[in-house]
Protein backbone atom coordinates (compact mmCIF):
# COMPACT_ATOMS: atom_id res chain seq x y z
CA MET A 1 29.92 -16.83 34.89
CA PHE A 2 28.26 -18.41 31.87
CA ASP A 3 24.88 -18.40 33.59
CA SER A 4 24.80 -14.61 33.77
CA MET A 5 25.90 -14.36 30.13
CA ASP A 6 23.24 -16.83 29.06
CA GLY A 7 20.64 -14.85 30.98
CA ALA A 8 21.68 -11.61 29.31
CA ALA A 9 21.59 -13.23 25.87
CA TYR A 10 18.15 -14.66 26.60
CA ASN A 11 16.85 -11.25 27.70
CA GLN A 12 18.32 -9.62 24.58
CA GLU A 13 16.65 -12.23 22.40
CA GLN A 14 13.29 -11.73 24.12
CA GLY A 15 13.59 -7.97 23.66
CA THR A 16 14.30 -8.41 19.96
CA ARG A 17 11.28 -10.69 19.59
CA ALA A 18 9.04 -8.18 21.35
CA ARG A 19 10.32 -5.35 19.14
CA LYS A 20 9.59 -7.43 16.01
CA LEU A 21 6.10 -8.16 17.29
CA PHE A 22 5.34 -4.48 17.77
CA ALA A 23 6.84 -3.70 14.36
CA ALA A 24 4.36 -6.19 12.89
CA VAL A 25 1.55 -4.29 14.62
CA VAL A 26 2.78 -1.06 13.01
CA LEU A 27 2.81 -2.75 9.59
CA ALA A 28 -0.73 -4.04 10.17
CA ALA A 29 -1.87 -0.52 11.10
CA LEU A 30 -0.32 0.79 7.88
CA ASP A 31 -2.11 -1.88 5.83
CA ASP A 32 -5.41 -1.04 7.54
CA ALA A 33 -4.93 2.64 6.79
CA ILE A 34 -4.12 1.86 3.14
CA ALA A 35 -7.31 -0.20 2.92
CA ASP A 36 -9.28 2.69 4.46
CA ASP A 37 -7.70 5.07 1.99
CA LYS A 38 -8.78 2.92 -0.96
CA LYS A 39 -12.29 2.43 0.44
CA TYR A 40 -13.09 5.75 2.12
CA GLY A 41 -10.26 8.09 1.09
CA ASN A 42 -9.19 8.91 4.64
CA GLY A 43 -6.18 6.62 5.16
CA PRO A 44 -3.50 9.24 5.90
CA GLU A 45 -5.76 10.92 8.48
CA GLN A 46 -6.48 7.54 10.11
CA ILE A 47 -2.81 6.59 10.47
CA ALA A 48 -1.98 10.07 11.77
CA ARG A 49 -4.76 9.85 14.36
CA TRP A 50 -3.54 6.40 15.42
CA ALA A 51 0.14 7.41 15.57
CA ARG A 52 -0.67 10.47 17.67
CA SER A 53 -2.89 8.52 20.07
CA ARG A 54 -1.53 7.19 23.34
CA ASP A 55 -1.76 3.58 22.15
CA GLY A 56 -0.13 4.40 18.84
CA ARG A 57 2.76 6.22 20.50
CA GLU A 58 3.28 3.30 22.85
CA VAL A 59 3.27 0.75 20.02
CA LEU A 60 5.70 2.84 17.97
CA THR A 61 8.00 3.20 20.98
CA CYS A 62 7.92 -0.53 21.68
CA ALA A 63 8.74 -1.16 18.01
CA GLY A 64 11.84 1.00 18.40
CA ILE A 65 10.40 3.97 16.49
CA ASP A 66 10.50 7.46 18.00
CA PRO A 67 6.87 8.70 17.80
CA ASN A 68 7.60 12.27 16.72
CA GLU A 69 5.83 14.42 14.13
CA ARG A 70 8.35 13.59 11.42
CA VAL A 71 7.50 9.91 11.79
CA VAL A 72 3.77 10.67 11.62
CA GLU A 73 4.31 12.61 8.38
CA GLY A 74 6.30 9.71 6.95
CA LEU A 75 3.55 7.25 7.85
CA MET A 76 1.01 9.53 6.18
CA LYS A 77 3.12 9.72 2.99
CA PHE A 78 3.51 5.95 2.97
CA VAL A 79 -0.25 5.46 3.24
CA ALA A 80 -0.91 8.09 0.58
CA ALA A 81 1.41 6.20 -1.80
CA GLY A 82 -0.97 3.23 -1.50
CA VAL A 83 1.66 0.49 -1.68
CA ARG A 84 0.89 -2.38 0.71
CA THR A 85 3.63 -3.16 3.21
CA SER A 86 4.17 -6.70 1.90
CA VAL A 87 4.82 -5.29 -1.58
CA ALA A 88 6.94 -2.39 -0.33
CA LEU A 89 9.18 -4.76 1.64
CA SER A 90 9.65 -7.23 -1.22
CA ARG A 91 12.92 -7.52 -3.09
CA GLU A 92 11.24 -6.99 -6.47
CA GLU A 93 9.77 -3.67 -5.40
CA SER A 94 13.13 -2.53 -4.03
CA GLU A 95 14.84 -3.42 -7.28
CA ARG A 96 12.15 -1.65 -9.31
CA ARG A 97 12.48 1.52 -7.25
CA ALA A 98 16.28 1.43 -7.54
CA ALA A 99 16.02 1.05 -11.32
CA ALA A 100 13.55 3.95 -11.51
CA ALA A 101 15.87 6.13 -9.41
CA ALA A 102 18.81 5.27 -11.66
CA ILE A 103 16.80 6.23 -14.73
CA ALA A 104 15.73 9.48 -13.08
CA GLU A 105 19.35 10.34 -12.25
CA ALA A 106 20.48 9.62 -15.79
CA ALA A 107 17.83 11.89 -17.29
């Protein structure tokens, strides 16, 4: 009985690891598009082209992201903002954005 439960837990853990790996690929693609945007000015178009490609759709799906047009538009907006993923995911940046939103609500 415990062998089948251990096997299921192991498979779940492997699936979670694979999903995190593909999410890291998505973050790297975002960083590359941000770098292209700063250098050439075509970052949002690059990430949109990648996300709409067959490989991009497959990577997004494996990362647990539904590759629809709304997601593509969100990726484009993220790249246009120009904030690197490591900064956007940091606690300091989250706190700064929350403080800015609170100030905007108060005004």
